[in-house]
Amino acid sequence: MKKISLLLFALALLFGAKAFAQEWEWDCPTAHTMIYESAELSDGDIMVMGHRYHDSSCGLLHSPTLWKLDSEGNGLAFSDYHKDGYYGYPPYVLENGSGDVYALMTYSPDHDTCSSNYFKNFEPVTDHCILGLYRLNDDLSIAESHEMEIPIDTSEWLSEENLYDFWNNGQAYLYSAFVDDDGTIVGVYDKTVTADLDKPRGYDSTVFFRMDFEGNLLARAAYSGNKRCGACPAYNFRRHHIVKADSLYLYYGCQWDIYEEKDDNLIYLDHDFNIVRSRSFKQADQVQAMYNMDFNDCNVTRTGRGTTLLTNTFSERFAHYSVALYEYNDDVNGYGNNVPILHYAKRKTDGWDFVTEMSPPIQFEDGSLLYVYALNVGAACDQDSRIVIERLSPDFETVSTMYYGTYDDGISQAALGIAATRDGGMLLTSGVVKLSNGYRFRAVTKFPAETFLGIDEAHANGLSLAIAYPNPGGSEMHIRTTVENASVKVYDMNGRLVARQPVTENETVLDATDWAAGTYVWKVVSDKAEIESGKWVKE
């Protein structure tokens, strides 16, 4: 593996000597659910955040949900926070200084195209959203409730040109929340207006707020943009947009919309959410096709060296999708209107659906990172898919690459979120989907720290160091690996060597034009030792 000796040394310093342990995987047992993120509590339990679909006569309604697992991945509790007349998305789990666990979430009025005004006609008629802070018992039931009403416009515009955007009208969506150094809660939500182009009703607004754990609102500031339902398409995938930097908050406004020009701005705010400065942050590759999504699914985190890491997905020409990782030098006193890019890593994937990574990388004490994303092959996610776990140096050079999952036959994987655990391990929240039959599956996997030490440890925890794709394939066989000083050998089912080729940078392409249709065995060999092997089918 590339630079494996340095990796072993660095991780040994970080984690020390520990006995090897198998990973565990928790499979989401609740039907009609989506999970997005998992996090470890101070007592070692793990919270899994998601939402659940409820059938209605006119569509699916969402309600926030939480699962609690113990440190071994055993389910302890589950709760569905459904509220009549409303729907909501995944909550944020927060802890106060005493270790009490809270859920913070927003509820929006339930849209129903069967009703006369497309909002369900509860009595009294719902005319507000809810920002709710709830202290939870051990069984995840609500022990204490604090709710704030957010007035909204309940009118809607529905036409042939707007068959689906009605769902985004009159909504408040929470997409960032954390506990500040002073023990208060800082968050941000978007409040949407009716997307009525015939009778414009104003613009969406972004609302920053601070509250204590007793539900008291301590500060709030709202800023109207130039969009109507502009951020809605990314709602399900935006979880972390605001970070603390010294005495300022840095808000990365990753948004796009079909009505107005996209505007990606970094907003600097003081303690009371007054705007101190605004700058643009740009993508490294500026060539984009019209209507392509740029800076979608953004998530940010602060580094120990005073910079910000940002992950995102974006589309390019010919429907090729990519994931990217940026490090920005976003010093408020920096020169220029554009935030400088310090480091940049782009990874291409042909899949269009499950390519998102909802969490920033895991950071280690030596400045290196674990960057996780999904590699999909096939424009409709109908071929091979793997979750990729990359170890990056502080300057974003690849140290090693590992692959998780063995799905094929039209099953696509999603890398939804990662989180570090106190013992140096990693929680991976993932999903798979098979488009042909609607099969969906969600899971949380715990990888111990030793997983990333070397080849044997990776294999013991279900990771591969090389993959072959597309599988099945045609005239070319592609091998992805970062193992250095290695070669690829391919055998037919009779054991005859049909090809041998040195491994090249990241991806090795073998010409299979003259190979007969059938199954082949491939091996990646380094220093006469087999690193990885598998089967590949030529159609």
Protein backbone atom coordinates (compact mmCIF):
# COMPACT_ATOMS: atom_id res chain seq x y z
CA MET A 1 0.00 0.00 0.00
CA LYS A 2 1.21 3.48 -0.81
CA LYS A 3 3.31 4.86 2.04
CA ILE A 4 2.11 2.03 4.26
CA SER A 5 5.11 2.19 6.58
CA LEU A 6 4.48 5.88 7.33
CA LEU A 7 0.81 5.14 7.88
CA LEU A 8 1.55 2.33 10.29
CA PHE A 9 3.94 4.53 12.24
CA ALA A 10 1.56 7.50 12.41
CA LEU A 11 -1.40 5.41 13.50
CA ALA A 12 0.65 3.55 16.07
CA LEU A 13 1.52 6.89 17.63
CA LEU A 14 -2.10 7.98 17.54
CA PHE A 15 -3.78 4.89 18.90
CA GLY A 16 -1.08 2.91 20.65
CA ALA A 17 -1.01 -0.88 20.83
CA LYS A 18 -4.48 -2.42 20.96
CA ALA A 19 -5.91 -5.87 20.47
CA PHE A 20 -7.55 -6.33 17.08
CA ALA A 21 -11.35 -6.36 17.09
CA GLN A 22 -13.93 -7.15 14.47
CA GLU A 23 -16.21 -4.44 13.24
CA TRP A 24 -19.92 -4.56 13.96
CA GLU A 25 -22.79 -3.54 11.74
CA TRP A 26 -26.25 -2.44 12.85
CA ASP A 27 -28.96 -2.86 10.25
CA CYS A 28 -31.81 -0.37 10.47
CA PRO A 29 -34.79 -2.54 11.53
CA THR A 30 -37.57 -0.01 10.97
CA ALA A 31 -39.46 -0.05 7.68
CA HIS A 32 -39.87 3.06 5.50
CA THR A 33 -36.98 4.90 7.10
CA MET A 34 -33.95 6.91 6.02
CA ILE A 35 -30.92 7.35 8.27
CA TYR A 36 -28.40 10.09 7.64
CA GLU A 37 -25.88 10.34 10.40
CA SER A 38 -24.63 8.70 13.59
CA ALA A 39 -22.66 10.11 16.51
CA GLU A 40 -21.16 8.87 19.77
CA LEU A 41 -22.43 10.30 23.05
CA SER A 42 -20.21 11.08 26.02
CA ASP A 43 -21.29 7.83 27.75
CA GLY A 44 -20.29 5.70 24.73
CA ASP A 45 -23.81 5.11 23.40
CA ILE A 46 -24.46 5.93 19.75
CA MET A 47 -27.31 7.98 18.33
CA VAL A 48 -28.56 7.43 14.79
CA MET A 49 -30.49 10.30 13.21
CA GLY A 50 -33.05 9.89 10.44
CA HIS A 51 -36.66 10.25 9.41
CA ARG A 52 -39.53 7.89 8.72
CA TYR A 53 -42.05 7.85 5.90
CA HIS A 54 -45.74 7.67 6.77
CA ASP A 55 -48.20 6.72 4.05
CA SER A 56 -51.03 9.12 3.33
CA SER A 57 -53.70 9.24 0.67
CA CYS A 58 -51.74 11.89 -1.23
CA GLY A 59 -48.10 11.01 -0.66
CA LEU A 60 -45.46 10.27 1.93
CA LEU A 61 -45.03 12.31 5.10
CA HIS A 62 -41.76 12.52 7.04
CA SER A 63 -41.33 12.43 10.79
CA PRO A 64 -38.01 12.77 12.68
CA THR A 65 -36.65 9.56 14.19
CA LEU A 66 -33.84 8.51 16.52
CA TRP A 67 -32.25 5.19 17.39
CA LYS A 68 -29.91 4.58 20.32
CA LEU A 69 -27.27 1.83 20.20
CA ASP A 70 -24.80 0.69 22.81
CA SER A 71 -21.06 0.66 22.12
CA GLU A 72 -21.33 -2.86 20.66
CA GLY A 73 -24.02 -1.90 18.15
CA ASN A 74 -26.97 -3.40 19.99
CA GLY A 75 -30.24 -1.51 19.69
CA LEU A 76 -31.37 0.11 22.95
CA ALA A 77 -34.24 2.39 21.96
CA PHE A 78 -36.16 3.87 19.04
CA SER A 79 -38.56 6.80 18.84
CA ASP A 80 -40.63 8.34 16.07
CA TYR A 81 -41.42 12.00 16.79
CA HIS A 82 -44.51 12.29 14.60
CA LYS A 83 -46.67 15.36 15.11
CA ASP A 84 -50.18 15.60 13.64
CA GLY A 85 -50.45 18.26 10.97
CA TYR A 86 -46.69 18.51 10.50
CA TYR A 87 -43.74 16.75 8.95
CA GLY A 88 -40.05 16.92 9.82
CA TYR A 89 -36.61 15.73 8.82
CA PRO A 90 -33.67 14.25 10.79
CA PRO A 91 -33.09 15.91 14.17
CA TYR A 92 -29.81 17.10 15.63
CA VAL A 93 -28.64 15.40 18.83
CA LEU A 94 -26.99 17.70 21.37
CA GLU A 95 -25.63 17.24 24.90
CA ASN A 96 -25.45 19.84 27.64
CA GLY A 97 -22.65 20.09 30.18
CA SER A 98 -24.34 17.57 32.47
CA GLY A 99 -24.60 14.90 29.77
CA ASP A 100 -28.35 15.33 29.24
CA VAL A 101 -29.34 14.44 25.67
CA TYR A 102 -31.55 16.73 23.58
CA ALA A 103 -33.08 16.56 20.12
CA LEU A 104 -33.39 19.77 18.11
CA MET A 105 -35.65 19.75 15.05
CA THR A 106 -38.04 21.76 12.92
CA TYR A 107 -41.58 20.83 11.91
CA SER A 108 -43.35 22.24 8.84
CA PRO A 109 -47.09 22.10 8.03
CA ASP A 110 -48.19 18.92 6.34
CA HIS A 111 -48.77 19.45 2.61
CA ASP A 112 -51.66 17.46 1.16
CA THR A 113 -52.66 17.87 -2.47
CA CYS A 114 -56.11 16.46 -1.62
CA SER A 115 -57.04 19.52 0.41
CA SER A 116 -58.34 22.76 -1.08
CA ASN A 117 -55.25 24.83 -0.31
CA TYR A 118 -52.72 21.96 -0.33
CA PHE A 119 -52.19 22.22 3.42
CA LYS A 120 -54.10 19.79 5.59
CA ASN A 121 -57.07 21.57 7.11
CA PHE A 122 -56.57 20.81 10.76
CA GLU A 123 -58.50 22.86 13.29
CA PRO A 124 -57.25 25.44 13.78
CA VAL A 125 -55.63 25.79 10.36
CA THR A 126 -51.86 25.44 10.66
CA ASP A 127 -50.16 28.76 9.97
CA HIS A 128 -46.71 28.24 11.49
CA CYS A 129 -43.68 25.97 11.63
CA ILE A 130 -42.11 24.77 14.88
CA LEU A 131 -38.55 24.90 16.17
CA GLY A 132 -38.50 22.32 18.95
CA LEU A 133 -35.92 21.47 21.62
CA TYR A 134 -36.69 18.24 23.49
CA ARG A 135 -34.84 16.69 26.42
CA LEU A 136 -34.88 12.90 26.06
CA ASN A 137 -35.15 10.08 28.56
CA ASP A 138 -33.00 6.95 28.29
CA ASP A 139 -35.74 5.32 26.20
CA LEU A 140 -35.75 8.38 23.87
CA SER A 141 -39.17 9.52 25.04
CA ILE A 142 -39.60 13.26 25.54
CA ALA A 143 -39.03 14.34 29.14
CA GLU A 144 -39.14 18.10 28.53
CA SER A 145 -40.41 20.08 25.55
CA HIS A 146 -39.63 23.63 24.39
CA GLU A 147 -41.29 24.75 21.16
CA MET A 148 -41.11 28.06 19.31
CA GLU A 149 -43.66 28.96 16.63
CA ILE A 150 -42.37 30.31 13.31
CA PRO A 151 -45.10 32.14 11.29
CA ILE A 152 -45.23 31.15 7.62
CA ASP A 153 -47.16 31.90 4.43
CA THR A 154 -49.54 29.01 3.73
CA SER A 155 -50.49 30.03 0.19
CA GLU A 156 -49.15 27.90 -2.65
CA TRP A 157 -48.51 27.99 -6.34
CA LEU A 158 -49.19 24.77 -8.23
CA SER A 159 -49.14 24.44 -12.01
CA GLU A 160 -47.89 22.17 -14.75
CA GLU A 161 -44.52 23.87 -14.47
CA ASN A 162 -44.48 23.41 -10.71
CA LEU A 163 -45.71 19.88 -10.06
CA TYR A 164 -43.46 19.19 -7.10
CA ASP A 165 -42.09 22.44 -5.68
CA PHE A 166 -45.34 22.96 -3.77
CA TRP A 167 -43.89 20.59 -1.17
CA ASN A 168 -41.18 23.13 -0.40
CA ASN A 169 -43.50 26.07 0.22
CA GLY A 170 -44.17 27.35 3.71
CA GLN A 171 -41.35 25.40 5.32
CA ALA A 172 -38.69 25.90 7.98
CA TYR A 173 -35.77 23.51 7.68
CA LEU A 174 -32.99 23.20 10.27
CA TYR A 175 -29.67 22.23 8.70
CA SER A 176 -26.97 23.20 11.19
CA ALA A 177 -26.75 23.08 14.99
CA PHE A 178 -23.97 22.71 17.55
CA VAL A 179 -23.17 23.51 21.19
CA ASP A 180 -20.97 26.59 21.46
CA ASP A 181 -18.07 27.07 23.88
CA ASP A 182 -20.33 28.91 26.34
CA GLY A 183 -22.79 25.99 26.49
CA THR A 184 -25.48 27.60 24.35
CA ILE A 185 -26.96 26.15 21.16
CA VAL A 186 -26.16 27.81 17.84
CA GLY A 187 -28.17 26.88 14.77
CA VAL A 188 -29.41 27.99 11.37
CA TYR A 189 -32.57 27.21 9.43
CA ASP A 190 -34.07 28.31 6.11
CA LYS A 191 -37.61 29.64 5.92
CA THR A 192 -39.21 29.29 2.48
CA VAL A 193 -41.94 31.28 0.78
CA THR A 194 -44.38 30.31 -1.95
CA ALA A 195 -42.56 29.84 -5.25
CA ASP A 196 -45.22 31.77 -7.16
CA LEU A 197 -43.68 33.30 -10.28
CA ASP A 198 -46.98 34.92 -11.27
CA LYS A 199 -47.40 36.69 -7.93
CA PRO A 200 -43.99 36.85 -6.21
CA ARG A 201 -44.32 36.77 -2.43
CA GLY A 202 -40.81 37.69 -1.40
CA TYR A 203 -37.76 35.52 -0.98
CA ASP A 204 -36.53 32.73 1.24
CA SER A 205 -34.69 33.77 4.37
CA THR A 206 -31.83 32.26 6.35
CA VAL A 207 -32.27 32.52 10.11
CA PHE A 208 -29.43 32.26 12.65
CA PHE A 209 -30.30 31.73 16.29
CA ARG A 210 -28.85 31.10 19.74
CA MET A 211 -30.80 29.43 22.54
CA ASP A 212 -30.11 27.84 25.89
CA PHE A 213 -31.06 24.33 26.96
CA GLU A 214 -34.17 25.69 28.69
CA GLY A 215 -35.52 26.72 25.30
CA ASN A 216 -34.97 30.47 25.79
CA LEU A 217 -34.18 32.33 22.59
CA LEU A 218 -31.10 34.47 23.28
CA ALA A 219 -30.39 35.91 19.83
CA ARG A 220 -31.81 35.67 16.34
CA ALA A 221 -31.08 37.31 12.97
CA ALA A 222 -32.80 36.69 9.62
CA TYR A 223 -31.44 37.57 6.18
CA SER A 224 -33.46 37.44 2.97
CA GLY A 225 -31.68 36.24 -0.15
CA ASN A 226 -32.62 36.25 -3.81
CA LYS A 227 -34.23 32.83 -3.97
CA ARG A 228 -37.67 31.28 -3.72
CA CYS A 229 -37.38 27.70 -2.47
CA GLY A 230 -33.81 28.01 -3.66
CA ALA A 231 -32.16 25.58 -1.27
CA CYS A 232 -34.96 23.02 -1.16
CA PRO A 233 -33.50 20.42 -3.54
CA ALA A 234 -30.52 20.01 -1.19
CA TYR A 235 -32.57 19.92 2.01
CA ASN A 236 -32.23 16.22 2.69
CA PHE A 237 -28.47 16.32 2.41
CA ARG A 238 -27.27 19.45 4.17
CA ARG A 239 -26.29 18.92 7.78
CA HIS A 240 -23.30 21.12 8.68
CA HIS A 241 -22.93 24.63 7.29
CA ILE A 242 -21.76 26.85 10.14
CA VAL A 243 -18.54 26.64 12.20
CA LYS A 244 -16.95 28.68 14.98
CA ALA A 245 -13.67 30.49 14.27
CA ASP A 246 -12.31 32.43 17.25
CA SER A 247 -15.01 35.01 18.05
CA LEU A 248 -16.80 34.72 14.68
CA TYR A 249 -19.18 32.27 13.04
CA LEU A 250 -18.46 31.22 9.46
CA TYR A 251 -21.53 30.29 7.42
CA TYR A 252 -21.01 28.57 4.06
CA GLY A 253 -24.17 29.21 2.05
CA CYS A 254 -24.16 26.38 -0.49
CA GLN A 255 -27.34 26.90 -2.46
CA TRP A 256 -28.65 26.67 -6.01
CA ASP A 257 -32.00 27.21 -7.64
CA ILE A 258 -33.72 27.08 -11.02
CA TYR A 259 -35.08 30.61 -10.86
CA GLU A 260 -32.09 32.75 -9.91
CA GLU A 261 -28.36 32.58 -10.42
CA LYS A 262 -26.58 30.48 -7.85
CA ASP A 263 -24.65 32.36 -5.21
CA ASP A 264 -22.17 30.57 -2.95
CA ASN A 265 -21.04 32.97 -0.24
CA LEU A 266 -19.08 32.70 2.97
CA ILE A 267 -20.70 34.95 5.56
CA TYR A 268 -18.73 36.07 8.63
CA LEU A 269 -20.99 36.80 11.63
CA ASP A 270 -20.29 38.12 15.10
CA HIS A 271 -21.65 36.70 18.36
CA ASP A 272 -25.04 38.36 17.78
CA PHE A 273 -25.16 37.24 14.12
CA ASN A 274 -24.43 40.65 12.63
CA ILE A 275 -22.69 40.33 9.28
CA VAL A 276 -19.03 41.33 9.51
CA ARG A 277 -17.98 40.39 5.99
CA SER A 278 -19.08 38.42 2.94
CA ARG A 279 -16.83 36.64 0.43
CA SER A 280 -17.35 34.14 -2.37
CA PHE A 281 -15.93 30.66 -2.30
CA LYS A 282 -15.32 29.08 -5.65
CA GLN A 283 -14.93 25.63 -7.08
CA ALA A 284 -11.52 24.70 -8.44
CA ASP A 285 -13.00 23.53 -11.77
CA GLN A 286 -15.22 26.30 -13.09
CA VAL A 287 -16.36 24.67 -16.37
CA GLN A 288 -19.93 23.58 -15.71
CA ALA A 289 -22.82 22.64 -17.97
CA MET A 290 -25.97 24.74 -17.75
CA TYR A 291 -28.30 23.78 -14.89
CA ASN A 292 -25.71 21.49 -13.37
CA MET A 293 -25.57 21.35 -9.59
CA ASP A 294 -22.51 22.97 -8.13
CA PHE A 295 -21.64 22.87 -4.43
CA ASN A 296 -24.55 20.60 -3.59
CA ASP A 297 -24.66 18.48 -0.42
CA CYS A 298 -22.16 20.74 1.36
CA ASN A 299 -20.78 20.07 4.82
CA VAL A 300 -18.05 21.97 6.66
CA THR A 301 -15.80 21.55 9.67
CA ARG A 302 -13.00 23.56 11.25
CA THR A 303 -9.39 22.34 11.36
CA GLY A 304 -6.90 22.79 14.16
CA ARG A 305 -4.78 25.04 11.94
CA GLY A 306 -7.47 27.70 11.51
CA THR A 307 -8.87 26.67 8.14
CA THR A 308 -12.14 25.07 7.00
CA LEU A 309 -12.72 21.75 5.26
CA LEU A 310 -15.70 21.55 2.91
CA THR A 311 -17.09 18.48 1.17
CA ASN A 312 -19.58 18.60 -1.68
CA THR A 313 -20.94 16.84 -4.74
CA PHE A 314 -21.40 18.41 -8.15
CA SER A 315 -22.25 17.46 -11.71
CA GLU A 316 -20.26 18.06 -14.83
CA ARG A 317 -20.88 17.76 -18.53
CA PHE A 318 -22.40 14.54 -19.89
CA ALA A 319 -23.97 13.77 -16.49
CA HIS A 320 -20.70 12.76 -14.86
CA TYR A 321 -20.83 13.41 -11.14
CA SER A 322 -17.98 14.06 -8.78
CA VAL A 323 -17.24 14.52 -5.10
CA ALA A 324 -14.74 17.06 -3.87
CA LEU A 325 -12.90 18.07 -0.73
CA TYR A 326 -11.62 21.61 -0.19
CA GLU A 327 -9.51 23.35 2.41
CA TYR A 328 -10.14 27.12 2.48
CA ASN A 329 -7.99 29.83 4.04
CA ASP A 330 -11.00 31.80 5.28
CA ASP A 331 -9.27 34.25 7.61
CA VAL A 332 -11.66 37.18 8.01
CA ASN A 333 -8.75 39.57 7.40
CA GLY A 334 -7.72 37.81 4.19
CA TYR A 335 -7.21 39.78 1.00
CA GLY A 336 -9.70 39.69 -1.89
CA ASN A 337 -13.34 38.88 -2.47
CA ASN A 338 -12.72 35.17 -3.12
CA VAL A 339 -11.69 32.76 -0.37
CA PRO A 340 -8.34 31.13 -1.34
CA ILE A 341 -8.26 27.35 -1.85
CA LEU A 342 -5.31 25.82 0.01
CA HIS A 343 -5.87 22.20 -0.99
CA TYR A 344 -8.31 20.42 -3.25
CA ALA A 345 -9.15 16.78 -4.00
CA LYS A 346 -11.68 15.72 -6.64
CA ARG A 347 -12.96 12.20 -7.20
CA LYS A 348 -15.04 11.35 -10.25
CA THR A 349 -17.99 8.97 -10.21
CA ASP A 350 -20.43 8.20 -13.03
CA GLY A 351 -23.36 7.54 -10.71
CA TRP A 352 -26.03 10.17 -10.33
CA ASP A 353 -27.95 9.21 -7.21
CA PHE A 354 -26.05 7.90 -4.22
CA VAL A 355 -22.79 9.81 -4.43
CA THR A 356 -23.17 12.09 -1.43
CA GLU A 357 -20.99 12.27 1.62
CA MET A 358 -22.84 14.03 4.41
CA SER A 359 -20.00 14.46 6.88
CA PRO A 360 -16.66 16.24 6.70
CA PRO A 361 -13.51 14.10 6.97
CA ILE A 362 -12.26 12.68 10.24
CA GLN A 363 -9.15 14.58 11.36
CA PHE A 364 -6.20 13.08 13.21
CA GLU A 365 -3.61 14.71 15.43
CA ASP A 366 -0.92 14.59 12.74
CA GLY A 367 -3.16 16.55 10.35
CA SER A 368 -4.04 13.58 8.16
CA LEU A 369 -7.64 12.82 7.20
CA LEU A 370 -10.05 9.99 6.52
CA TYR A 371 -12.15 11.00 3.51
CA VAL A 372 -15.11 8.76 2.63
CA TYR A 373 -17.32 8.79 -0.45
CA ALA A 374 -19.13 6.45 -2.84
CA LEU A 375 -17.75 5.37 -6.21
CA ASN A 376 -20.56 4.52 -8.61
CA VAL A 377 -20.11 3.16 -12.12
CA GLY A 378 -22.96 3.64 -14.56
CA ALA A 379 -25.00 6.74 -15.29
CA ALA A 380 -28.09 5.29 -13.57
CA CYS A 381 -26.32 3.63 -10.63
CA ASP A 382 -26.97 0.30 -12.34
CA GLN A 383 -23.52 -1.24 -12.07
CA ASP A 384 -20.83 -1.76 -9.48
CA SER A 385 -20.56 0.50 -6.47
CA ARG A 386 -18.11 0.72 -3.59
CA ILE A 387 -17.63 2.96 -0.60
CA VAL A 388 -14.12 4.43 -0.73
CA ILE A 389 -12.13 5.20 2.43
CA GLU A 390 -9.09 7.33 1.67
CA ARG A 391 -6.32 8.28 4.05
CA LEU A 392 -5.03 11.70 2.99
CA SER A 393 -1.94 13.57 4.13
CA PRO A 394 -2.37 17.15 5.43
CA ASP A 395 -1.75 18.42 1.88
CA PHE A 396 -4.36 16.00 0.46
CA GLU A 397 -1.92 13.49 -1.02
CA THR A 398 -3.30 9.94 -1.01
CA VAL A 399 -1.61 7.76 1.59
CA SER A 400 -3.83 4.71 1.14
CA THR A 401 -7.20 3.74 -0.30
CA MET A 402 -9.56 1.03 0.90
CA TYR A 403 -12.93 -0.13 -0.40
CA TYR A 404 -16.01 -1.30 1.50
CA GLY A 405 -18.89 -3.39 0.18
CA THR A 406 -19.27 -6.19 -2.31
CA TYR A 407 -22.56 -5.23 -3.94
CA ASP A 408 -23.11 -5.59 -7.67
CA ASP A 409 -25.96 -6.54 -10.02
CA GLY A 410 -27.52 -3.11 -10.05
CA ILE A 411 -27.06 -2.29 -6.36
CA SER A 412 -25.64 1.13 -5.59
CA GLN A 413 -24.12 2.27 -2.30
CA ALA A 414 -24.24 5.59 -0.50
CA ALA A 415 -21.64 6.98 1.91
CA LEU A 416 -23.96 9.08 4.02
CA GLY A 417 -21.90 10.06 7.02
CA ILE A 418 -18.81 9.30 9.09
CA ALA A 419 -17.95 10.13 12.68
CA ALA A 420 -14.93 9.55 14.87
CA THR A 421 -15.27 7.58 18.11
CA ARG A 422 -13.32 8.18 21.29
CA ASP A 423 -11.35 4.95 20.90
CA GLY A 424 -9.99 6.09 17.53
CA GLY A 425 -12.48 4.15 15.43
CA MET A 426 -14.95 5.29 12.81
CA LEU A 427 -18.73 5.10 12.48
CA LEU A 428 -19.91 4.79 8.88
CA THR A 429 -23.55 5.48 8.07
CA SER A 430 -24.33 3.97 4.69
CA GLY A 431 -27.11 2.84 2.42
CA VAL A 432 -27.68 0.70 -0.64
CA VAL A 433 -30.41 0.84 -3.24
CA LYS A 434 -31.39 -1.39 -6.16
CA LEU A 435 -33.31 0.61 -8.72
CA SER A 436 -34.86 -2.38 -10.48
CA ASN A 437 -36.96 -3.49 -7.50
CA GLY A 438 -36.85 -0.51 -5.14
CA TYR A 439 -34.74 -2.39 -2.58
CA ARG A 440 -33.32 -0.07 0.08
CA PHE A 441 -31.15 -0.80 3.06
CA ARG A 442 -29.48 1.37 5.70
CA ALA A 443 -26.78 0.52 8.21
CA VAL A 444 -24.24 1.86 10.71
CA THR A 445 -20.85 0.13 10.76
CA LYS A 446 -18.21 0.52 13.47
CA PHE A 447 -14.63 0.14 12.32
CA PRO A 448 -12.01 -0.09 15.09
CA ALA A 449 -8.90 2.07 14.79
CA GLU A 450 -6.77 -0.93 13.77
CA THR A 451 -8.77 -1.28 10.56
CA PHE A 452 -6.57 1.25 8.82
CA LEU A 453 -3.19 -0.01 10.05
CA GLY A 454 -2.42 -2.44 7.27
CA ILE A 455 -3.52 -5.13 4.81
CA ASP A 456 -4.42 -7.89 7.28
CA GLU A 457 -6.33 -5.51 9.52
CA ALA A 458 -8.24 -4.08 6.58
CA HIS A 459 -9.20 -7.55 5.35
CA ALA A 460 -10.24 -8.61 8.86
CA ASN A 461 -12.73 -5.75 8.88
CA GLY A 462 -14.22 -6.30 5.46
CA LEU A 463 -12.18 -3.79 3.45
CA SER A 464 -10.42 -4.35 0.15
CA LEU A 465 -7.30 -2.69 -1.21
CA ALA A 466 -8.23 -3.07 -4.88
CA ILE A 467 -11.39 -3.42 -6.99
CA ALA A 468 -12.10 -4.36 -10.61
CA TYR A 469 -14.82 -2.60 -12.60
CA PRO A 470 -17.11 -2.35 -14.45
CA ASN A 471 -18.21 -5.84 -13.53
CA PRO A 472 -19.47 -7.34 -15.74
CA GLY A 473 -17.49 -5.50 -18.37
CA GLY A 474 -16.54 -5.52 -22.01
CA SER A 475 -13.37 -4.61 -23.87
CA GLU A 476 -11.60 -3.09 -20.86
CA MET A 477 -11.00 -4.18 -17.30
CA HIS A 478 -10.18 -1.41 -14.82
CA ILE A 479 -8.28 -2.01 -11.56
CA ARG A 480 -8.31 0.69 -8.87
CA THR A 481 -5.66 0.49 -6.17
CA THR A 482 -3.03 2.67 -4.49
CA VAL A 483 -0.69 -0.24 -3.80
CA GLU A 484 2.76 0.65 -5.13
CA ASN A 485 5.36 -1.55 -6.85
CA ALA A 486 2.66 -4.06 -7.74
CA SER A 487 1.33 -5.83 -10.81
CA VAL A 488 -2.04 -7.20 -11.93
CA LYS A 489 -2.36 -10.80 -13.07
CA VAL A 490 -5.47 -12.18 -14.76
CA TYR A 491 -6.27 -15.91 -15.11
CA ASP A 492 -9.04 -17.75 -16.90
CA MET A 493 -11.03 -20.41 -15.06
CA ASN A 494 -8.55 -23.07 -16.18
CA GLY A 495 -5.74 -21.27 -14.37
CA ARG A 496 -4.04 -19.98 -17.51
CA LEU A 497 -2.42 -16.54 -17.26
CA VAL A 498 -4.09 -14.30 -19.85
CA ALA A 499 -2.66 -10.91 -18.85
CA ARG A 500 -0.04 -9.32 -16.67
CA GLN A 501 0.52 -5.59 -16.30
CA PRO A 502 2.23 -3.23 -13.82
CA VAL A 503 -0.04 -1.16 -11.60
CA THR A 504 -0.14 2.45 -12.68
CA GLU A 505 -1.26 5.58 -10.82
CA ASN A 506 -4.58 4.82 -9.06
CA GLU A 507 -6.18 3.12 -12.08
CA THR A 508 -4.81 0.37 -14.31
CA VAL A 509 -6.60 -0.43 -17.58
CA LEU A 510 -6.24 -3.89 -19.15
CA ASP A 511 -7.24 -4.53 -22.77
CA ALA A 512 -9.76 -7.39 -22.75
CA THR A 513 -10.75 -7.14 -26.40
CA ASP A 514 -9.37 -10.56 -27.34
CA TRP A 515 -10.53 -12.37 -24.21
CA ALA A 516 -13.34 -14.85 -24.59
CA ALA A 517 -16.61 -14.13 -22.78
CA GLY A 518 -16.66 -15.68 -19.34
CA THR A 519 -15.32 -15.39 -15.79
CA TYR A 520 -11.74 -14.42 -14.93
CA VAL A 521 -9.73 -14.26 -11.70
CA TRP A 522 -7.60 -11.18 -11.12
CA LYS A 523 -4.87 -10.70 -8.53
CA VAL A 524 -2.87 -7.69 -7.38
CA VAL A 525 0.60 -8.88 -6.34
CA SER A 526 3.38 -6.92 -4.63
CA ASP A 527 6.76 -8.37 -3.66
CA LYS A 528 5.45 -11.83 -4.63
CA ALA A 529 2.65 -11.51 -2.04
CA GLU A 530 -1.00 -11.40 -3.05
CA ILE A 531 -2.59 -8.13 -1.90
CA GLU A 532 -6.08 -8.55 -3.32
CA SER A 533 -7.99 -10.81 -5.69
CA GLY A 534 -11.45 -11.21 -7.16
CA LYS A 535 -13.54 -12.38 -10.08
CA TRP A 536 -14.41 -10.37 -13.17
CA VAL A 537 -16.90 -11.27 -15.87
CA LYS A 538 -16.57 -10.35 -19.53
CA GLU A 539 -19.89 -10.24 -21.32
